[in-house]
Amino acid sequence: SKRRLEYLGAITCMDDAIGHILDLLDEYELTDNTIVIFFSDNGGSGGSDNSPLRGGKSRMFEGGVRVCAAVRYPPRIPAGSVSDEFVTSLEWVPTLLNLTGASPPEGVVLDGFDMLPVLAGEATSQRTEMYWKRREKEGARFGNWKWVHNADGVFLFDLSRDLGEQHNRVSEDPEKATEMAQHFADWMS
């Protein structure tokens, strides 16, 4: 479709522009003291394809909240390495503060942690839970369990077995669904 072709064209232009920036950092010998971070704020929309993940932008399913990121920082992150650890955008501020030696503003409590050791493959993630709310849509992840509540009902998934969120386990695991709803309620309060 025309929309898909336009989307792919935009991705190609973006890829070229990022490559140009990386080449300039190399040319000016700034690569080793520059961290380059590229990530999306949510899952794709429009002409994107989030397969095998369910849903997209503005949804609480993995296709709307799970995104990839590309990070280049040669002094710590090996080129071509891949991490499947559970981290969130909440980790960026503590990571960059620690990397630069800066302190957070006085009285500010950070919800994340320095994830550079995780990205470097030196540690596992400290992140065990995450919560989302957008209008009437709610979601929670606690370990590998994912809970979604929206206008279509309540959903429960074991992401370790069902990353595509195809098998709603609410009727099979009602206690876990109740526990996840409580985690979400606790976070809201």
N, C-alpha and C. Protein backbone atom coordinates (compact mmCIF):
# COMPACT_ATOMS: atom_id res chain seq x y z
N SER A 1 0.83 -1.19 0.00
CA SER A 1 0.00 0.00 0.00
C SER A 1 0.87 1.24 0.00
N LYS A 2 0.28 2.35 -0.39
CA LYS A 2 1.02 3.61 -0.44
C LYS A 2 1.51 4.00 0.96
N ARG A 3 0.65 3.79 1.96
CA ARG A 3 1.02 4.13 3.34
C ARG A 3 2.24 3.33 3.80
N ARG A 4 2.27 2.05 3.47
CA ARG A 4 3.40 1.20 3.85
C ARG A 4 4.67 1.65 3.15
N LEU A 5 4.58 1.98 1.87
CA LEU A 5 5.76 2.45 1.12
C LEU A 5 6.28 3.76 1.69
N GLU A 6 5.38 4.67 2.05
CA GLU A 6 5.81 5.93 2.66
C GLU A 6 6.50 5.68 3.99
N TYR A 7 5.97 4.75 4.77
CA TYR A 7 6.58 4.41 6.06
C TYR A 7 7.98 3.84 5.84
N LEU A 8 8.13 2.91 4.92
CA LEU A 8 9.43 2.32 4.63
C LEU A 8 10.41 3.37 4.10
N GLY A 9 9.91 4.31 3.30
CA GLY A 9 10.75 5.40 2.82
C GLY A 9 11.25 6.27 3.96
N ALA A 10 10.37 6.55 4.91
CA ALA A 10 10.77 7.36 6.08
C ALA A 10 11.83 6.63 6.90
N ILE A 11 11.67 5.33 7.07
CA ILE A 11 12.65 4.54 7.81
C ILE A 11 14.01 4.57 7.10
N THR A 12 14.00 4.44 5.77
CA THR A 12 15.24 4.47 4.99
C THR A 12 15.93 5.83 5.14
N CYS A 13 15.17 6.92 5.06
CA CYS A 13 15.75 8.26 5.23
C CYS A 13 16.33 8.43 6.62
N MET A 14 15.61 7.95 7.62
CA MET A 14 16.08 8.04 9.00
C MET A 14 17.38 7.25 9.17
N ASP A 15 17.42 6.04 8.62
CA ASP A 15 18.61 5.21 8.70
C ASP A 15 19.81 5.91 8.05
N ASP A 16 19.60 6.51 6.90
CA ASP A 16 20.68 7.25 6.22
C ASP A 16 21.18 8.42 7.08
N ALA A 17 20.24 9.17 7.68
CA ALA A 17 20.61 10.33 8.49
C ALA A 17 21.40 9.90 9.73
N ILE A 18 20.96 8.83 10.38
CA ILE A 18 21.69 8.34 11.57
C ILE A 18 23.07 7.87 11.16
N GLY A 19 23.17 7.16 10.04
CA GLY A 19 24.47 6.72 9.55
C GLY A 19 25.40 7.89 9.29
N HIS A 20 24.85 8.98 8.75
CA HIS A 20 25.66 10.18 8.49
C HIS A 20 26.20 10.76 9.80
N ILE A 21 25.36 10.82 10.83
CA ILE A 21 25.81 11.33 12.13
C ILE A 21 26.91 10.43 12.71
N LEU A 22 26.73 9.12 12.64
CA LEU A 22 27.75 8.20 13.15
C LEU A 22 29.06 8.36 12.38
N ASP A 23 28.97 8.54 11.07
CA ASP A 23 30.18 8.75 10.26
C ASP A 23 30.90 10.03 10.67
N LEU A 24 30.14 11.09 10.94
CA LEU A 24 30.75 12.35 11.37
C LEU A 24 31.44 12.20 12.73
N LEU A 25 30.81 11.47 13.64
CA LEU A 25 31.45 11.24 14.94
C LEU A 25 32.78 10.50 14.75
N ASP A 26 32.80 9.53 13.85
CA ASP A 26 34.05 8.81 13.55
C ASP A 26 35.07 9.77 12.93
N GLU A 27 34.63 10.55 11.94
CA GLU A 27 35.53 11.46 11.24
C GLU A 27 36.18 12.46 12.19
N TYR A 28 35.43 12.98 13.14
CA TYR A 28 35.96 13.97 14.08
C TYR A 28 36.52 13.33 15.36
N GLU A 29 36.64 12.00 15.36
CA GLU A 29 37.22 11.24 16.47
C GLU A 29 36.50 11.51 17.80
N LEU A 30 35.17 11.54 17.72
CA LEU A 30 34.34 11.75 18.91
C LEU A 30 33.60 10.49 19.33
N THR A 31 33.78 9.41 18.60
CA THR A 31 33.03 8.18 18.84
C THR A 31 33.19 7.65 20.24
N ASP A 32 34.41 7.61 20.75
CA ASP A 32 34.66 6.98 22.05
C ASP A 32 34.20 7.81 23.25
N ASN A 33 33.85 9.07 23.05
CA ASN A 33 33.32 9.84 24.18
C ASN A 33 31.92 10.38 23.89
N THR A 34 31.20 9.66 23.00
CA THR A 34 29.82 10.03 22.67
C THR A 34 28.95 8.79 22.72
N ILE A 35 27.91 8.83 23.53
CA ILE A 35 26.94 7.74 23.53
C ILE A 35 25.80 8.15 22.61
N VAL A 36 25.49 7.29 21.68
CA VAL A 36 24.40 7.54 20.73
C VAL A 36 23.27 6.58 21.09
N ILE A 37 22.10 7.14 21.31
CA ILE A 37 20.94 6.36 21.75
C ILE A 37 19.80 6.62 20.78
N PHE A 38 19.21 5.57 20.30
CA PHE A 38 18.07 5.72 19.41
C PHE A 38 17.01 4.72 19.82
N PHE A 39 15.82 5.22 20.15
CA PHE A 39 14.71 4.34 20.52
C PHE A 39 13.39 5.05 20.27
N SER A 40 12.34 4.28 20.25
CA SER A 40 11.01 4.82 20.02
C SER A 40 10.29 4.97 21.36
N ASP A 41 9.30 5.84 21.39
CA ASP A 41 8.54 6.01 22.63
C ASP A 41 7.41 5.00 22.75
N ASN A 42 7.07 4.32 21.67
CA ASN A 42 5.98 3.34 21.70
C ASN A 42 6.06 2.49 20.45
N GLY A 43 5.21 1.50 20.37
CA GLY A 43 5.19 0.63 19.20
C GLY A 43 4.74 1.37 17.96
N GLY A 44 5.02 0.77 16.83
CA GLY A 44 4.73 1.40 15.55
C GLY A 44 3.25 1.55 15.26
N SER A 45 2.96 2.48 14.38
CA SER A 45 1.58 2.71 13.94
C SER A 45 1.59 2.88 12.43
N GLY A 46 0.44 3.13 11.88
CA GLY A 46 0.37 3.39 10.45
C GLY A 46 0.83 2.22 9.62
N GLY A 47 1.87 2.42 8.84
CA GLY A 47 2.37 1.39 7.95
C GLY A 47 3.35 0.43 8.57
N SER A 48 3.52 0.49 9.88
CA SER A 48 4.49 -0.39 10.55
C SER A 48 3.94 -1.80 10.69
N ASP A 49 4.83 -2.70 11.03
CA ASP A 49 4.46 -4.09 11.28
C ASP A 49 5.14 -4.50 12.58
N ASN A 50 4.37 -4.70 13.63
CA ASN A 50 4.92 -5.04 14.94
C ASN A 50 5.03 -6.55 15.17
N SER A 51 4.78 -7.33 14.16
CA SER A 51 4.82 -8.79 14.29
C SER A 51 6.16 -9.22 14.87
N PRO A 52 6.17 -10.19 15.74
CA PRO A 52 5.06 -11.05 16.16
C PRO A 52 4.28 -10.48 17.34
N LEU A 53 4.57 -9.23 17.71
CA LEU A 53 3.90 -8.64 18.86
C LEU A 53 2.48 -8.22 18.51
N ARG A 54 1.61 -8.27 19.50
CA ARG A 54 0.20 -7.89 19.35
C ARG A 54 0.06 -6.39 19.56
N GLY A 55 -0.76 -5.75 18.74
CA GLY A 55 -1.10 -4.35 18.94
C GLY A 55 -0.04 -3.40 18.42
N GLY A 56 -0.29 -2.11 18.65
CA GLY A 56 0.61 -1.06 18.20
C GLY A 56 0.44 0.17 19.06
N LYS A 57 0.86 1.28 18.52
CA LYS A 57 0.84 2.55 19.23
C LYS A 57 -0.51 2.76 19.94
N SER A 58 -0.46 3.27 21.15
CA SER A 58 -1.62 3.59 21.99
C SER A 58 -2.29 2.36 22.58
N ARG A 59 -1.69 1.20 22.47
CA ARG A 59 -2.23 -0.03 23.04
C ARG A 59 -1.31 -0.50 24.16
N MET A 60 -1.88 -1.22 25.11
CA MET A 60 -1.09 -1.73 26.23
C MET A 60 -0.43 -3.08 25.92
N PHE A 61 -0.78 -3.67 24.78
CA PHE A 61 -0.16 -4.93 24.40
C PHE A 61 1.30 -4.67 24.01
N GLU A 62 2.09 -5.72 23.91
CA GLU A 62 3.52 -5.59 23.67
C GLU A 62 3.85 -4.80 22.41
N GLY A 63 3.03 -4.89 21.38
CA GLY A 63 3.27 -4.13 20.16
C GLY A 63 3.15 -2.63 20.36
N GLY A 64 2.55 -2.21 21.47
CA GLY A 64 2.42 -0.79 21.77
C GLY A 64 3.42 -0.29 22.80
N VAL A 65 3.99 -1.19 23.59
CA VAL A 65 4.89 -0.74 24.66
C VAL A 65 6.31 -1.30 24.56
N ARG A 66 6.49 -2.38 23.85
CA ARG A 66 7.84 -2.96 23.71
C ARG A 66 8.48 -2.38 22.46
N VAL A 67 9.63 -1.78 22.61
CA VAL A 67 10.34 -1.20 21.48
C VAL A 67 11.80 -1.63 21.50
N CYS A 68 12.39 -1.58 20.35
CA CYS A 68 13.82 -1.86 20.28
C CYS A 68 14.57 -0.54 20.48
N ALA A 69 15.82 -0.66 20.80
CA ALA A 69 16.69 0.51 20.93
C ALA A 69 18.04 0.15 20.34
N ALA A 70 18.71 1.14 19.81
CA ALA A 70 20.08 0.98 19.32
C ALA A 70 20.96 1.96 20.09
N VAL A 71 22.02 1.44 20.67
CA VAL A 71 22.92 2.26 21.47
C VAL A 71 24.35 1.99 21.01
N ARG A 72 25.10 3.06 20.75
CA ARG A 72 26.51 2.91 20.41
C ARG A 72 27.35 3.68 21.42
N TYR A 73 28.19 2.96 22.12
CA TYR A 73 29.15 3.55 23.04
C TYR A 73 30.33 2.59 23.14
N PRO A 74 31.28 2.66 22.19
CA PRO A 74 32.36 1.68 22.08
C PRO A 74 33.18 1.42 23.36
N PRO A 75 33.39 2.41 24.23
CA PRO A 75 34.18 2.08 25.42
C PRO A 75 33.53 1.03 26.33
N ARG A 76 32.23 0.87 26.28
CA ARG A 76 31.53 -0.05 27.20
C ARG A 76 30.65 -1.08 26.51
N ILE A 77 30.06 -0.74 25.38
CA ILE A 77 29.09 -1.64 24.74
C ILE A 77 29.74 -2.28 23.52
N PRO A 78 29.91 -3.59 23.54
CA PRO A 78 30.53 -4.26 22.39
C PRO A 78 29.69 -4.09 21.12
N ALA A 79 30.35 -3.79 20.01
CA ALA A 79 29.66 -3.63 18.72
C ALA A 79 28.93 -4.92 18.38
N GLY A 80 27.72 -4.78 17.89
CA GLY A 80 26.93 -5.93 17.46
C GLY A 80 26.30 -6.74 18.58
N SER A 81 26.48 -6.31 19.81
CA SER A 81 25.88 -7.06 20.92
C SER A 81 24.38 -6.82 20.98
N VAL A 82 23.67 -7.78 21.56
CA VAL A 82 22.22 -7.71 21.68
C VAL A 82 21.85 -8.04 23.12
N SER A 83 20.92 -7.29 23.67
CA SER A 83 20.43 -7.56 25.02
C SER A 83 18.92 -7.71 24.97
N ASP A 84 18.42 -8.76 25.59
CA ASP A 84 16.99 -8.98 25.71
C ASP A 84 16.51 -8.70 27.13
N GLU A 85 17.32 -8.01 27.91
CA GLU A 85 16.97 -7.71 29.30
C GLU A 85 15.79 -6.74 29.35
N PHE A 86 15.04 -6.81 30.44
CA PHE A 86 13.88 -5.95 30.67
C PHE A 86 14.36 -4.61 31.23
N VAL A 87 14.38 -3.59 30.38
CA VAL A 87 14.71 -2.23 30.78
C VAL A 87 13.66 -1.30 30.17
N THR A 88 13.60 -0.08 30.68
CA THR A 88 12.62 0.88 30.18
C THR A 88 13.29 2.23 29.95
N SER A 89 12.55 3.15 29.38
CA SER A 89 13.08 4.50 29.18
C SER A 89 13.33 5.21 30.50
N LEU A 90 12.76 4.71 31.60
CA LEU A 90 13.03 5.30 32.92
C LEU A 90 14.49 5.14 33.31
N GLU A 91 15.20 4.22 32.66
CA GLU A 91 16.60 3.99 32.97
C GLU A 91 17.54 5.00 32.31
N TRP A 92 17.08 5.73 31.30
CA TRP A 92 18.00 6.62 30.59
C TRP A 92 18.55 7.74 31.45
N VAL A 93 17.72 8.41 32.23
CA VAL A 93 18.22 9.54 33.02
C VAL A 93 19.28 9.08 34.03
N PRO A 94 19.03 8.05 34.85
CA PRO A 94 20.08 7.61 35.77
C PRO A 94 21.35 7.14 35.04
N THR A 95 21.18 6.51 33.89
CA THR A 95 22.34 6.05 33.12
C THR A 95 23.19 7.23 32.66
N LEU A 96 22.54 8.22 32.08
CA LEU A 96 23.28 9.38 31.58
C LEU A 96 23.85 10.23 32.71
N LEU A 97 23.13 10.35 33.81
CA LEU A 97 23.68 11.07 34.96
C LEU A 97 24.95 10.40 35.46
N ASN A 98 24.90 9.08 35.60
CA ASN A 98 26.08 8.37 36.08
C ASN A 98 27.23 8.45 35.08
N LEU A 99 26.93 8.31 33.82
CA LEU A 99 27.95 8.35 32.78
C LEU A 99 28.66 9.71 32.74
N THR A 100 27.92 10.77 32.98
CA THR A 100 28.50 12.12 32.93
C THR A 100 29.01 12.60 34.27
N GLY A 101 28.72 11.85 35.34
CA GLY A 101 29.14 12.27 36.67
C GLY A 101 28.25 13.33 37.28
N ALA A 102 27.10 13.57 36.68
CA ALA A 102 26.17 14.58 37.19
C ALA A 102 25.26 13.98 38.25
N SER A 103 24.67 14.84 39.05
CA SER A 103 23.72 14.42 40.07
C SER A 103 22.32 14.85 39.67
N PRO A 104 21.32 14.09 40.09
CA PRO A 104 19.94 14.54 39.79
C PRO A 104 19.64 15.80 40.59
N PRO A 105 18.68 16.58 40.14
CA PRO A 105 18.30 17.76 40.92
C PRO A 105 17.92 17.34 42.35
N GLU A 106 18.21 18.21 43.29
CA GLU A 106 17.91 17.93 44.69
C GLU A 106 16.42 17.64 44.88
N GLY A 107 16.13 16.59 45.62
CA GLY A 107 14.76 16.22 45.92
C GLY A 107 14.09 15.37 44.86
N VAL A 108 14.77 15.09 43.75
CA VAL A 108 14.19 14.28 42.68
C VAL A 108 14.50 12.81 42.94
N VAL A 109 13.47 11.99 42.96
CA VAL A 109 13.64 10.55 43.11
C VAL A 109 13.51 9.93 41.73
N LEU A 110 14.53 9.22 41.31
CA LEU A 110 14.53 8.60 39.99
C LEU A 110 13.91 7.22 40.07
N ASP A 111 13.06 6.90 39.11
CA ASP A 111 12.38 5.60 39.08
C ASP A 111 13.21 4.53 38.39
N GLY A 112 14.28 4.92 37.73
CA GLY A 112 15.10 3.96 36.99
C GLY A 112 16.43 3.71 37.66
N PHE A 113 17.32 3.06 36.92
CA PHE A 113 18.65 2.72 37.42
C PHE A 113 19.65 2.86 36.27
N ASP A 114 20.92 2.90 36.58
CA ASP A 114 21.96 2.97 35.57
C ASP A 114 22.01 1.63 34.83
N MET A 115 21.62 1.63 33.58
CA MET A 115 21.56 0.37 32.83
C MET A 115 22.79 0.12 31.97
N LEU A 116 23.82 0.96 32.07
CA LEU A 116 25.00 0.74 31.24
C LEU A 116 25.64 -0.64 31.48
N PRO A 117 25.75 -1.11 32.73
CA PRO A 117 26.27 -2.47 32.91
C PRO A 117 25.41 -3.54 32.23
N VAL A 118 24.11 -3.32 32.15
CA VAL A 118 23.22 -4.27 31.47
C VAL A 118 23.50 -4.23 29.97
N LEU A 119 23.58 -3.03 29.40
CA LEU A 119 23.84 -2.89 27.96
C LEU A 119 25.22 -3.42 27.59
N ALA A 120 26.15 -3.34 28.53
CA ALA A 120 27.51 -3.83 28.30
C ALA A 120 27.62 -5.34 28.46
N GLY A 121 26.54 -5.98 28.89
CA GLY A 121 26.55 -7.42 29.09
C GLY A 121 27.24 -7.85 30.37
N GLU A 122 27.39 -6.91 31.31
CA GLU A 122 28.08 -7.19 32.57
C GLU A 122 27.14 -7.50 33.72
N ALA A 123 25.86 -7.25 33.54
CA ALA A 123 24.89 -7.44 34.64
C ALA A 123 23.52 -7.74 34.05
N THR A 124 22.66 -8.28 34.90
CA THR A 124 21.27 -8.46 34.52
C THR A 124 20.48 -7.24 34.98
N SER A 125 19.33 -7.05 34.41
CA SER A 125 18.51 -5.88 34.73
C SER A 125 17.93 -5.96 36.13
N GLN A 126 17.87 -4.82 36.78
CA GLN A 126 17.19 -4.69 38.07
C GLN A 126 15.68 -4.53 37.90
N ARG A 127 15.25 -4.25 36.69
CA ARG A 127 13.83 -3.97 36.43
C ARG A 127 13.04 -5.26 36.51
N THR A 128 12.01 -5.26 37.34
CA THR A 128 11.14 -6.44 37.48
C THR A 128 9.68 -6.12 37.19
N GLU A 129 9.35 -4.82 37.11
CA GLU A 129 7.96 -4.45 36.89
C GLU A 129 7.87 -3.14 36.13
N MET A 130 6.72 -2.96 35.47
CA MET A 130 6.44 -1.73 34.75
C MET A 130 4.94 -1.58 34.63
N TYR A 131 4.47 -0.33 34.62
CA TYR A 131 3.03 -0.06 34.58
C TYR A 131 2.75 1.01 33.53
N TRP A 132 1.56 0.91 32.93
CA TRP A 132 1.16 1.87 31.91
C TRP A 132 -0.31 2.24 32.12
N LYS A 133 -0.64 3.48 31.80
CA LYS A 133 -2.04 3.91 31.80
C LYS A 133 -2.17 4.99 30.74
N ARG A 134 -3.12 4.81 29.87
CA ARG A 134 -3.45 5.80 28.84
C ARG A 134 -4.95 5.83 28.71
N ARG A 135 -5.54 6.89 29.22
CA ARG A 135 -7.00 7.01 29.26
C ARG A 135 -7.58 5.79 29.96
N GLU A 136 -8.48 5.05 29.31
CA GLU A 136 -9.11 3.89 29.97
C GLU A 136 -8.28 2.62 29.81
N LYS A 137 -7.14 2.69 29.14
CA LYS A 137 -6.31 1.51 28.91
C LYS A 137 -5.25 1.41 30.00
N GLU A 138 -5.12 0.21 30.56
CA GLU A 138 -4.17 -0.01 31.66
C GLU A 138 -3.36 -1.27 31.38
N GLY A 139 -2.14 -1.26 31.86
CA GLY A 139 -1.30 -2.44 31.69
C GLY A 139 -0.29 -2.54 32.80
N ALA A 140 0.13 -3.76 33.09
CA ALA A 140 1.15 -4.01 34.10
C ALA A 140 1.99 -5.19 33.68
N ARG A 141 3.27 -5.09 33.94
CA ARG A 141 4.15 -6.24 33.78
C ARG A 141 4.85 -6.45 35.11
N PHE A 142 4.83 -7.68 35.55
CA PHE A 142 5.47 -8.06 36.81
C PHE A 142 6.20 -9.36 36.52
N GLY A 143 7.53 -9.31 36.43
CA GLY A 143 8.29 -10.46 35.97
C GLY A 143 7.92 -10.75 34.53
N ASN A 144 7.56 -11.98 34.25
CA ASN A 144 7.15 -12.35 32.89
C ASN A 144 5.64 -12.29 32.70
N TRP A 145 4.91 -11.87 33.73
CA TRP A 145 3.45 -11.79 33.63
C TRP A 145 3.04 -10.42 33.14
N LYS A 146 2.06 -10.39 32.24
CA LYS A 146 1.55 -9.15 31.68
C LYS A 146 0.04 -9.13 31.84
N TRP A 147 -0.47 -8.04 32.37
CA TRP A 147 -1.91 -7.84 32.61
C TRP A 147 -2.34 -6.62 31.82
N VAL A 148 -3.44 -6.73 31.12
CA VAL A 148 -4.00 -5.61 30.35
C VAL A 148 -5.48 -5.50 30.67
N HIS A 149 -5.92 -4.27 30.89
CA HIS A 149 -7.34 -4.00 31.10
C HIS A 149 -7.72 -2.87 30.16
N ASN A 150 -8.67 -3.14 29.27
CA ASN A 150 -9.14 -2.12 28.34
C ASN A 150 -10.63 -2.32 28.08
N ALA A 151 -11.16 -1.62 27.11
CA ALA A 151 -12.60 -1.70 26.83
C ALA A 151 -13.04 -3.10 26.40
N ASP A 152 -12.11 -3.92 25.94
CA ASP A 152 -12.44 -5.29 25.52
C ASP A 152 -12.39 -6.30 26.66
N GLY A 153 -11.93 -5.88 27.84
CA GLY A 153 -11.90 -6.79 28.97
C GLY A 153 -10.55 -6.83 29.66
N VAL A 154 -10.33 -7.95 30.35
CA VAL A 154 -9.08 -8.16 31.10
C VAL A 154 -8.32 -9.28 30.41
N PHE A 155 -7.01 -9.09 30.29
CA PHE A 155 -6.15 -10.05 29.63
C PHE A 155 -4.97 -10.36 30.54
N LEU A 156 -4.51 -11.59 30.48
CA LEU A 156 -3.35 -12.03 31.25
C LEU A 156 -2.49 -12.91 30.36
N PHE A 157 -1.20 -12.62 30.32
CA PHE A 157 -0.29 -13.37 29.46
C PHE A 157 0.98 -13.73 30.22
N ASP A 158 1.53 -14.87 29.89
CA ASP A 158 2.85 -15.26 30.37
C ASP A 158 3.81 -14.99 29.21
N LEU A 159 4.53 -13.87 29.27
CA LEU A 159 5.38 -13.46 28.16
C LEU A 159 6.53 -14.42 27.91
N SER A 160 6.90 -15.23 28.90
CA SER A 160 7.99 -16.18 28.68
C SER A 160 7.55 -17.29 27.73
N ARG A 161 6.24 -17.50 27.60
CA ARG A 161 5.71 -18.54 26.71
C ARG A 161 4.90 -17.97 25.55
N ASP A 162 4.47 -16.72 25.68
CA ASP A 162 3.52 -16.15 24.72
C ASP A 162 3.82 -14.68 24.50
N LEU A 163 4.96 -14.40 23.86
CA LEU A 163 5.37 -13.02 23.62
C LEU A 163 4.38 -12.27 22.73
N GLY A 164 3.71 -13.00 21.84
CA GLY A 164 2.74 -12.39 20.94
C GLY A 164 1.38 -12.15 21.58
N GLU A 165 1.23 -12.52 22.87
CA GLU A 165 0.00 -12.30 23.62
C GLU A 165 -1.24 -12.83 22.88
N GLN A 166 -1.16 -14.08 22.50
CA GLN A 166 -2.26 -14.71 21.77
C GLN A 166 -3.17 -15.53 22.67
N HIS A 167 -2.68 -15.94 23.83
CA HIS A 167 -3.45 -16.84 24.70
C HIS A 167 -3.77 -16.14 26.03
N ASN A 168 -5.00 -15.65 26.15
CA ASN A 168 -5.43 -14.98 27.38
C ASN A 168 -5.61 -16.03 28.47
N ARG A 169 -4.87 -15.88 29.56
CA ARG A 169 -4.86 -16.87 30.64
C ARG A 169 -5.75 -16.48 31.82
N VAL A 170 -6.59 -15.48 31.67
CA VAL A 170 -7.43 -15.03 32.79
C VAL A 170 -8.26 -16.17 33.37
N SER A 171 -8.91 -16.96 32.53
CA SER A 171 -9.76 -18.03 33.05
C SER A 171 -8.93 -19.19 33.62
N GLU A 172 -7.71 -19.38 33.13
CA GLU A 172 -6.85 -20.45 33.63
C GLU A 172 -6.13 -20.07 34.92
N ASP A 173 -5.81 -18.77 35.07
CA ASP A 173 -5.06 -18.28 36.22
C ASP A 173 -5.76 -17.08 36.86
N PRO A 174 -6.99 -17.26 37.37
CA PRO A 174 -7.71 -16.10 37.90
C PRO A 174 -7.00 -15.47 39.10
N GLU A 175 -6.30 -16.28 39.90
CA GLU A 175 -5.58 -15.72 41.05
C GLU A 175 -4.46 -14.80 40.58
N LYS A 176 -3.75 -15.21 39.54
CA LYS A 176 -2.67 -14.38 38.99
C LYS A 176 -3.24 -13.10 38.40
N ALA A 177 -4.39 -13.17 37.74
CA ALA A 177 -5.02 -11.97 37.19
C ALA A 177 -5.39 -11.00 38.32
N THR A 178 -5.92 -11.53 39.42
CA THR A 178 -6.26 -10.69 40.57
C THR A 178 -5.00 -10.08 41.18
N GLU A 179 -3.95 -10.87 41.29
CA GLU A 179 -2.68 -10.38 41.83
C GLU A 179 -2.13 -9.25 40.95
N MET A 180 -2.18 -9.42 39.64
CA MET A 180 -1.68 -8.39 38.73
C MET A 180 -2.52 -7.12 38.81
N ALA A 181 -3.83 -7.27 38.91
CA ALA A 181 -4.71 -6.10 39.08
C ALA A 181 -4.36 -5.36 40.36
N GLN A 182 -3.99 -6.12 41.40
CA GLN A 182 -3.60 -5.49 42.67
C GLN A 182 -2.27 -4.75 42.54
N HIS A 183 -1.32 -5.35 41.81
CA HIS A 183 -0.05 -4.64 41.54
C HIS A 183 -0.33 -3.32 40.86
N PHE A 184 -1.21 -3.34 39.89
CA PHE A 184 -1.55 -2.11 39.17
C PHE A 184 -2.21 -1.09 40.11
N ALA A 185 -3.15 -1.56 40.93
CA ALA A 185 -3.84 -0.67 41.87
C ALA A 185 -2.85 -0.07 42.86
N ASP A 186 -1.90 -0.87 43.33
CA ASP A 186 -0.87 -0.36 44.25
C ASP A 186 -0.04 0.71 43.59
N TRP A 187 0.33 0.48 42.33
CA TRP A 187 1.10 1.49 41.60
C TRP A 187 0.31 2.77 41.43
N MET A 188 -0.98 2.64 41.10
CA MET A 188 -1.82 3.82 40.93
C MET A 188 -1.93 4.63 42.22
N SER A 189 -2.01 3.93 43.34
CA SER A 189 -2.15 4.65 44.60
C SER A 189 -0.85 5.31 45.00
